[in-house]
Protein backbone atom coordinates (compact mmCIF):
# COMPACT_ATOMS: atom_id res chain seq x y z
CA MET A 1 64.65 164.88 69.19
CA ARG A 2 66.74 167.47 67.39
CA PRO A 3 70.54 167.59 67.51
CA HIS A 4 70.35 171.35 68.21
CA HIS A 5 68.17 173.80 70.07
CA GLU A 6 65.56 175.93 68.36
CA ILE A 7 63.61 178.98 69.36
CA PHE A 8 60.19 179.30 67.79
CA PHE A 9 58.50 182.65 67.68
CA ALA A 10 55.11 183.84 66.52
CA HIS A 11 53.50 186.66 64.59
CA GLY A 12 55.13 190.00 65.26
CA PHE A 13 58.31 188.13 64.38
CA PHE A 14 60.88 190.67 65.51
CA SER A 15 59.34 191.40 68.90
CA SER A 16 58.44 187.74 69.40
CA ALA A 17 62.02 186.71 68.67
CA LEU A 18 63.37 189.31 71.12
CA HIS A 19 60.93 188.05 73.73
CA GLU A 20 62.05 184.44 73.36
CA ILE A 21 65.70 185.56 73.38
CA SER A 22 64.96 187.38 76.64
CA HIS A 23 63.80 184.10 78.18
CA TRP A 24 66.92 182.43 76.84
CA LEU A 25 69.14 185.15 78.34
CA ILE A 26 67.52 184.75 81.76
CA ALA A 27 67.75 180.96 81.79
CA GLY A 28 70.84 179.44 83.31
CA LYS A 29 72.99 176.87 81.54
CA GLU A 30 70.93 173.89 82.72
CA ARG A 31 67.56 175.52 82.06
CA ARG A 32 68.63 176.39 78.53
CA GLN A 33 68.64 172.62 77.88
CA LEU A 34 64.94 172.28 78.80
CA VAL A 35 61.85 172.78 76.64
CA ASP A 36 60.69 176.37 77.10
CA PHE A 37 63.78 176.81 79.31
CA GLY A 38 61.83 175.14 82.13
CA TYR A 39 59.40 178.04 82.44
CA TRP A 40 55.83 177.52 83.59
CA TYR A 41 53.45 178.40 80.83
CA GLU A 42 49.69 178.15 80.63
CA PRO A 43 48.37 178.93 77.14
CA ASP A 44 45.89 181.63 76.17
CA GLY A 45 42.65 181.29 78.10
CA ARG A 46 44.13 181.72 81.57
CA ASN A 47 41.79 182.76 84.37
CA GLN A 48 42.51 185.83 86.53
CA GLU A 49 44.63 183.85 89.03
CA GLN A 50 46.68 182.18 86.30
CA GLN A 51 47.04 185.54 84.52
CA ALA A 52 48.39 187.13 87.71
CA LEU A 53 50.99 184.34 88.00
CA PHE A 54 51.88 184.71 84.32
CA GLN A 55 52.38 188.46 84.69
CA ASN A 56 54.51 187.98 87.79
CA LEU A 57 56.77 185.56 85.90
CA GLU A 58 56.91 187.78 82.80
CA VAL A 59 58.20 190.98 84.43
CA LYS A 60 61.91 190.27 83.93
CA PRO A 61 61.65 188.77 80.44
CA GLN A 62 59.52 191.67 79.23
CA ALA A 63 61.85 194.21 80.88
CA ILE A 64 64.77 192.64 79.02
CA GLU A 65 62.75 192.50 75.83
CA TRP A 66 62.07 196.23 76.19
CA ILE A 67 65.76 196.95 76.75
CA LEU A 68 66.71 194.86 73.69
CA SER A 69 63.95 196.44 71.59
CA THR A 70 65.24 199.89 72.48
CA ALA A 71 68.78 198.82 71.58
CA ALA A 72 67.47 197.70 68.18
CA GLY A 73 65.47 200.91 67.69
CA TYR A 74 62.28 198.85 67.64
CA PRO A 75 59.07 199.73 69.52
CA PHE A 76 58.19 197.63 72.57
CA GLN A 77 54.67 196.59 73.43
CA VAL A 78 53.68 194.88 76.67
CA SER A 79 52.19 191.45 76.06
CA LEU A 80 49.48 190.07 78.32
CA ASP A 81 49.44 187.01 76.02
CA ASN A 82 45.80 186.28 76.87
CA LEU A 83 43.08 187.19 74.42
CA HIS A 84 40.42 185.73 76.73
CA LEU A 85 40.86 188.50 79.30
CA PRO A 86 40.53 191.60 77.09
CA ASP A 87 39.34 193.73 80.02
CA SER A 88 42.35 192.81 82.13
CA ASN A 89 43.97 195.91 83.64
CA SER A 90 47.59 196.00 82.56
CA ASP A 91 48.64 199.19 84.39
CA GLY A 92 50.18 197.35 87.36
CA PHE A 93 51.96 194.95 85.02
CA LYS A 94 53.33 197.82 82.94
CA GLN A 95 54.56 199.58 86.05
CA ALA A 96 56.26 196.39 87.31
CA ILE A 97 58.05 196.04 83.95
CA LEU A 98 59.15 199.70 84.02
CA THR A 99 60.37 199.28 87.62
CA GLN A 100 62.43 196.23 86.56
CA VAL A 101 63.90 198.21 83.65
CA GLN A 102 64.88 200.88 86.18
CA VAL A 103 66.59 198.24 88.35
CA TYR A 104 68.56 197.03 85.33
CA CYS A 105 69.50 200.61 84.45
CA GLU A 106 70.72 201.30 87.99
CA LYS A 107 72.38 197.97 88.83
CA GLY A 108 73.38 196.79 85.38
CA LEU A 109 72.33 193.92 83.17
CA PRO A 110 73.35 190.30 83.57
CA GLU A 111 76.54 189.64 81.59
CA ARG A 112 75.00 187.70 78.66
CA THR A 113 72.19 190.23 78.34
CA ALA A 114 74.63 193.13 78.36
CA LEU A 115 76.72 191.49 75.62
CA PHE A 116 73.66 190.90 73.45
CA ARG A 117 72.40 194.44 74.03
CA THR A 118 75.79 195.88 73.14
CA ALA A 119 75.81 193.90 69.89
CA LEU A 120 72.33 195.22 69.03
CA CYS A 121 73.37 198.81 69.75
CA LYS A 122 76.41 198.42 67.55
CA PHE A 123 74.49 196.76 64.70
CA TYR A 124 71.56 199.20 64.77
CA GLN A 125 73.79 202.17 65.65
CA THR A 126 71.74 203.14 68.70
CA ASN A 127 72.81 204.83 71.92
CA PRO A 128 74.82 202.35 74.00
CA LEU A 129 74.07 204.26 77.23
CA LEU A 130 71.51 202.36 79.30
CA SER A 131 69.41 205.05 80.96
CA ILE A 132 65.91 204.97 82.39
CA ASP A 133 65.26 208.21 80.47
CA SER A 134 65.02 206.07 77.31
CA PHE A 135 62.00 204.19 78.63
CA SER A 136 58.42 205.37 79.16
CA PHE A 137 54.92 204.26 78.25
CA ALA A 138 52.96 206.48 75.89
């Protein structure tokens, strides 16, 4: 047991770190004390049903990751996090993430997320205006 909390992130260090921070930002005070913030996670090799559940649970974290990436001037890439389903269609997942970004743009970000985003915008000198016009898939 460690006396402090740690976030581990993988290859693609910057985007991986922003992704894990997104999970941390979503988690409430009690969940932040749990391993993986109490999130369900099935490792790479998920079947179609497990992948669908994974994608459903990943919409908000990946939407926040995209918002934070944009604030840092860093490109965002959707992660299916499953190399065993290379033919998996990600269009619906991408659209769900974009729709969630739109909700955050219209209704505002949770307080901790907004504070973190503002700090990124200030540090990276990016546009602090949160607008859906800043987000689109190539």
